């Protein structure tokens, strides 16, 4: 399943309580691989539990994680 990134938004702009698909990130290759292991890789389905000024709490297939504002502004998602 491929998603068009025309309607994508930064994770920091997403609304809590909704489900999203990760469609893009602007991280280094090493950080991108770490994000994949955490459940934030391309195409992964996530739920934004809470969004804060300094980051977000995300539910992934591997559990809930907190990410800082640097990551939440570098990850693009599509609402599902």
N, C-alpha and C. Protein backbone atom coordinates (compact mmCIF):
# COMPACT_ATOMS: atom_id res chain seq x y z
N UNK A 1 0.85 -1.18 0.00
CA UNK A 1 0.00 0.00 0.00
C UNK A 1 0.89 1.23 0.00
N UNK A 2 0.83 2.01 -1.02
CA UNK A 2 1.61 3.24 -1.08
C UNK A 2 0.69 4.41 -0.87
N UNK A 3 1.19 5.40 -0.15
CA UNK A 3 0.39 6.57 0.16
C UNK A 3 0.96 7.78 -0.54
N UNK A 4 0.08 8.62 -1.01
CA UNK A 4 0.50 9.87 -1.62
C UNK A 4 0.86 10.85 -0.52
N UNK A 5 1.92 11.60 -0.71
CA UNK A 5 2.34 12.55 0.32
C UNK A 5 1.76 13.94 0.08
N UNK A 6 0.79 14.08 -0.84
CA UNK A 6 0.19 15.38 -1.12
C UNK A 6 -0.50 15.97 0.10
N UNK A 7 -1.13 15.15 0.92
CA UNK A 7 -1.86 15.61 2.09
C UNK A 7 -1.08 15.37 3.39
N UNK A 8 0.22 15.24 3.28
CA UNK A 8 1.01 14.94 4.47
C UNK A 8 1.19 16.20 5.33
N UNK A 9 1.48 15.94 6.60
CA UNK A 9 1.75 17.02 7.56
C UNK A 9 2.84 16.55 8.50
N UNK A 10 3.45 17.49 9.16
CA UNK A 10 4.44 17.12 10.16
C UNK A 10 3.71 16.51 11.35
N UNK A 11 4.36 15.57 12.00
CA UNK A 11 3.77 14.94 13.18
C UNK A 11 3.44 16.00 14.24
N UNK A 12 4.24 17.04 14.31
CA UNK A 12 3.99 18.10 15.30
C UNK A 12 2.69 18.86 15.02
N UNK A 13 2.15 18.76 13.80
CA UNK A 13 0.90 19.43 13.43
C UNK A 13 -0.31 18.51 13.51
N UNK A 14 -0.08 17.22 13.75
CA UNK A 14 -1.16 16.23 13.78
C UNK A 14 -1.99 16.38 15.05
N UNK A 15 -3.23 15.86 14.99
CA UNK A 15 -4.15 15.94 16.12
C UNK A 15 -4.12 14.64 16.92
N UNK A 16 -4.12 14.79 18.23
CA UNK A 16 -4.11 13.64 19.12
C UNK A 16 -5.39 12.83 18.97
N UNK A 17 -5.26 11.52 19.16
CA UNK A 17 -6.40 10.62 19.11
C UNK A 17 -6.68 10.05 17.74
N UNK A 18 -5.90 10.45 16.73
CA UNK A 18 -6.11 9.96 15.37
C UNK A 18 -5.00 9.01 14.96
N UNK A 19 -5.28 8.21 13.95
CA UNK A 19 -4.32 7.25 13.42
C UNK A 19 -3.68 7.82 12.17
N UNK A 20 -2.37 7.61 12.05
CA UNK A 20 -1.60 8.14 10.93
C UNK A 20 -0.69 7.07 10.36
N UNK A 21 -0.23 7.32 9.14
CA UNK A 21 0.78 6.47 8.51
C UNK A 21 2.01 7.34 8.29
N UNK A 22 3.16 6.85 8.71
CA UNK A 22 4.41 7.57 8.51
C UNK A 22 4.74 7.53 7.02
N UNK A 23 4.96 8.69 6.41
CA UNK A 23 5.20 8.71 4.97
C UNK A 23 6.56 9.28 4.59
N UNK A 24 7.23 9.95 5.51
CA UNK A 24 8.51 10.57 5.16
C UNK A 24 9.20 11.06 6.42
N UNK A 25 10.54 11.08 6.38
CA UNK A 25 11.28 11.76 7.43
C UNK A 25 12.51 12.41 6.82
N UNK A 26 13.03 13.39 7.49
CA UNK A 26 14.20 14.11 6.99
C UNK A 26 15.39 13.88 7.92
N UNK A 27 15.47 12.69 8.46
CA UNK A 27 16.55 12.32 9.38
C UNK A 27 17.72 11.71 8.63
N UNK A 28 18.83 11.59 9.33
CA UNK A 28 19.98 10.89 8.78
C UNK A 28 19.63 9.42 8.60
N UNK A 29 20.41 8.71 7.81
CA UNK A 29 20.16 7.29 7.57
C UNK A 29 20.23 6.49 8.87
N UNK A 30 21.19 6.81 9.73
CA UNK A 30 21.33 6.08 11.00
C UNK A 30 20.11 6.32 11.90
N UNK A 31 19.67 7.55 11.99
CA UNK A 31 18.50 7.86 12.82
C UNK A 31 17.25 7.25 12.20
N UNK A 32 17.15 7.25 10.89
CA UNK A 32 16.01 6.65 10.21
C UNK A 32 15.91 5.16 10.53
N UNK A 33 17.04 4.47 10.59
CA UNK A 33 17.05 3.05 10.94
C UNK A 33 16.60 2.85 12.39
N UNK A 34 17.03 3.72 13.28
CA UNK A 34 16.61 3.63 14.69
C UNK A 34 15.11 3.87 14.82
N UNK A 35 14.59 4.84 14.05
CA UNK A 35 13.16 5.11 14.07
C UNK A 35 12.36 3.91 13.59
N UNK A 36 12.87 3.22 12.58
CA UNK A 36 12.21 2.02 12.08
C UNK A 36 12.13 0.97 13.18
N UNK A 37 13.19 0.78 13.92
CA UNK A 37 13.20 -0.19 15.02
C UNK A 37 12.23 0.20 16.13
N UNK A 38 11.97 1.50 16.28
CA UNK A 38 11.04 1.99 17.30
C UNK A 38 9.59 1.95 16.82
N UNK A 39 9.37 1.65 15.53
CA UNK A 39 8.02 1.61 15.00
C UNK A 39 7.63 2.86 14.26
N UNK A 40 8.59 3.70 13.91
CA UNK A 40 8.31 4.95 13.20
C UNK A 40 8.91 4.95 11.80
N UNK A 41 9.04 3.79 11.20
CA UNK A 41 9.59 3.69 9.85
C UNK A 41 8.54 4.01 8.80
N UNK A 42 8.99 4.15 7.57
CA UNK A 42 8.10 4.47 6.46
C UNK A 42 6.97 3.44 6.36
N UNK A 43 5.75 3.93 6.24
CA UNK A 43 4.59 3.07 6.08
C UNK A 43 4.00 2.54 7.37
N UNK A 44 4.64 2.77 8.50
CA UNK A 44 4.14 2.26 9.78
C UNK A 44 2.89 3.03 10.20
N UNK A 45 1.97 2.32 10.81
CA UNK A 45 0.75 2.92 11.34
C UNK A 45 1.00 3.30 12.80
N UNK A 46 0.67 4.55 13.14
CA UNK A 46 0.86 5.03 14.50
C UNK A 46 -0.40 5.77 14.94
N UNK A 47 -0.55 5.91 16.24
CA UNK A 47 -1.62 6.74 16.81
C UNK A 47 -0.96 7.82 17.65
N UNK A 48 -1.35 9.05 17.42
CA UNK A 48 -0.83 10.16 18.22
C UNK A 48 -1.66 10.23 19.49
N UNK A 49 -1.06 9.90 20.61
CA UNK A 49 -1.77 9.90 21.89
C UNK A 49 -1.87 11.31 22.45
N UNK A 50 -0.75 12.03 22.42
CA UNK A 50 -0.73 13.40 22.94
C UNK A 50 0.35 14.20 22.23
N UNK A 51 0.08 15.47 22.04
CA UNK A 51 1.04 16.36 21.41
C UNK A 51 1.32 17.52 22.37
N UNK A 52 2.58 17.80 22.57
CA UNK A 52 3.00 18.85 23.48
C UNK A 52 3.93 19.81 22.75
N UNK A 53 4.18 20.94 23.36
CA UNK A 53 5.10 21.93 22.78
C UNK A 53 6.49 21.33 22.58
N UNK A 54 6.89 20.46 23.49
CA UNK A 54 8.24 19.90 23.46
C UNK A 54 8.31 18.47 22.95
N UNK A 55 7.25 17.99 22.27
CA UNK A 55 7.29 16.63 21.73
C UNK A 55 5.92 16.00 21.66
N UNK A 56 5.90 14.66 21.62
CA UNK A 56 4.65 13.93 21.47
C UNK A 56 4.78 12.54 22.07
N UNK A 57 3.63 11.94 22.38
CA UNK A 57 3.56 10.55 22.81
C UNK A 57 2.82 9.80 21.71
N UNK A 58 3.42 8.72 21.24
CA UNK A 58 2.92 7.98 20.07
C UNK A 58 2.75 6.51 20.42
N UNK A 59 1.65 5.93 19.96
CA UNK A 59 1.44 4.49 20.09
C UNK A 59 1.86 3.85 18.78
N UNK A 60 2.82 2.93 18.86
CA UNK A 60 3.32 2.20 17.70
C UNK A 60 2.97 0.72 17.87
N UNK A 61 3.19 -0.09 16.85
CA UNK A 61 2.95 -1.53 17.00
C UNK A 61 3.82 -2.16 18.09
N UNK A 62 4.87 -1.46 18.49
CA UNK A 62 5.81 -2.00 19.49
C UNK A 62 5.62 -1.40 20.87
N UNK A 63 4.65 -0.51 21.04
CA UNK A 63 4.39 0.11 22.33
C UNK A 63 4.35 1.63 22.21
N UNK A 64 4.11 2.28 23.33
CA UNK A 64 4.04 3.73 23.37
C UNK A 64 5.44 4.31 23.55
N UNK A 65 5.72 5.39 22.82
CA UNK A 65 7.01 6.05 22.93
C UNK A 65 6.82 7.56 22.97
N UNK A 66 7.76 8.24 23.55
CA UNK A 66 7.79 9.70 23.56
C UNK A 66 8.89 10.15 22.61
N UNK A 67 8.59 11.17 21.82
CA UNK A 67 9.58 11.74 20.92
C UNK A 67 9.67 13.24 21.19
N UNK A 68 10.85 13.77 21.00
CA UNK A 68 11.08 15.19 21.20
C UNK A 68 10.57 16.02 20.03
N UNK A 69 10.57 17.31 20.22
CA UNK A 69 10.08 18.21 19.17
C UNK A 69 10.93 18.14 17.91
N UNK A 70 12.22 17.80 18.05
CA UNK A 70 13.07 17.67 16.87
C UNK A 70 12.59 16.54 15.96
N UNK A 71 12.20 15.42 16.54
CA UNK A 71 11.70 14.30 15.74
C UNK A 71 10.27 14.55 15.26
N UNK A 72 9.44 15.12 16.11
CA UNK A 72 8.05 15.33 15.69
C UNK A 72 7.95 16.35 14.56
N UNK A 73 8.94 17.20 14.42
CA UNK A 73 8.91 18.15 13.30
C UNK A 73 9.62 17.61 12.06
N UNK A 74 10.33 16.49 12.18
CA UNK A 74 11.02 15.93 11.02
C UNK A 74 10.33 14.70 10.44
N UNK A 75 9.25 14.24 11.04
CA UNK A 75 8.50 13.09 10.57
C UNK A 75 7.19 13.58 9.94
N UNK A 76 6.93 13.16 8.70
CA UNK A 76 5.68 13.51 8.02
C UNK A 76 4.73 12.33 8.06
N UNK A 77 3.44 12.62 8.25
CA UNK A 77 2.43 11.58 8.37
C UNK A 77 1.22 11.91 7.51
N UNK A 78 0.43 10.88 7.22
CA UNK A 78 -0.85 11.01 6.53
C UNK A 78 -1.93 10.48 7.46
N UNK A 79 -3.05 11.19 7.57
CA UNK A 79 -4.14 10.70 8.39
C UNK A 79 -4.82 9.53 7.70
N UNK A 80 -5.13 8.50 8.45
CA UNK A 80 -5.79 7.29 7.93
C UNK A 80 -7.24 7.32 8.32
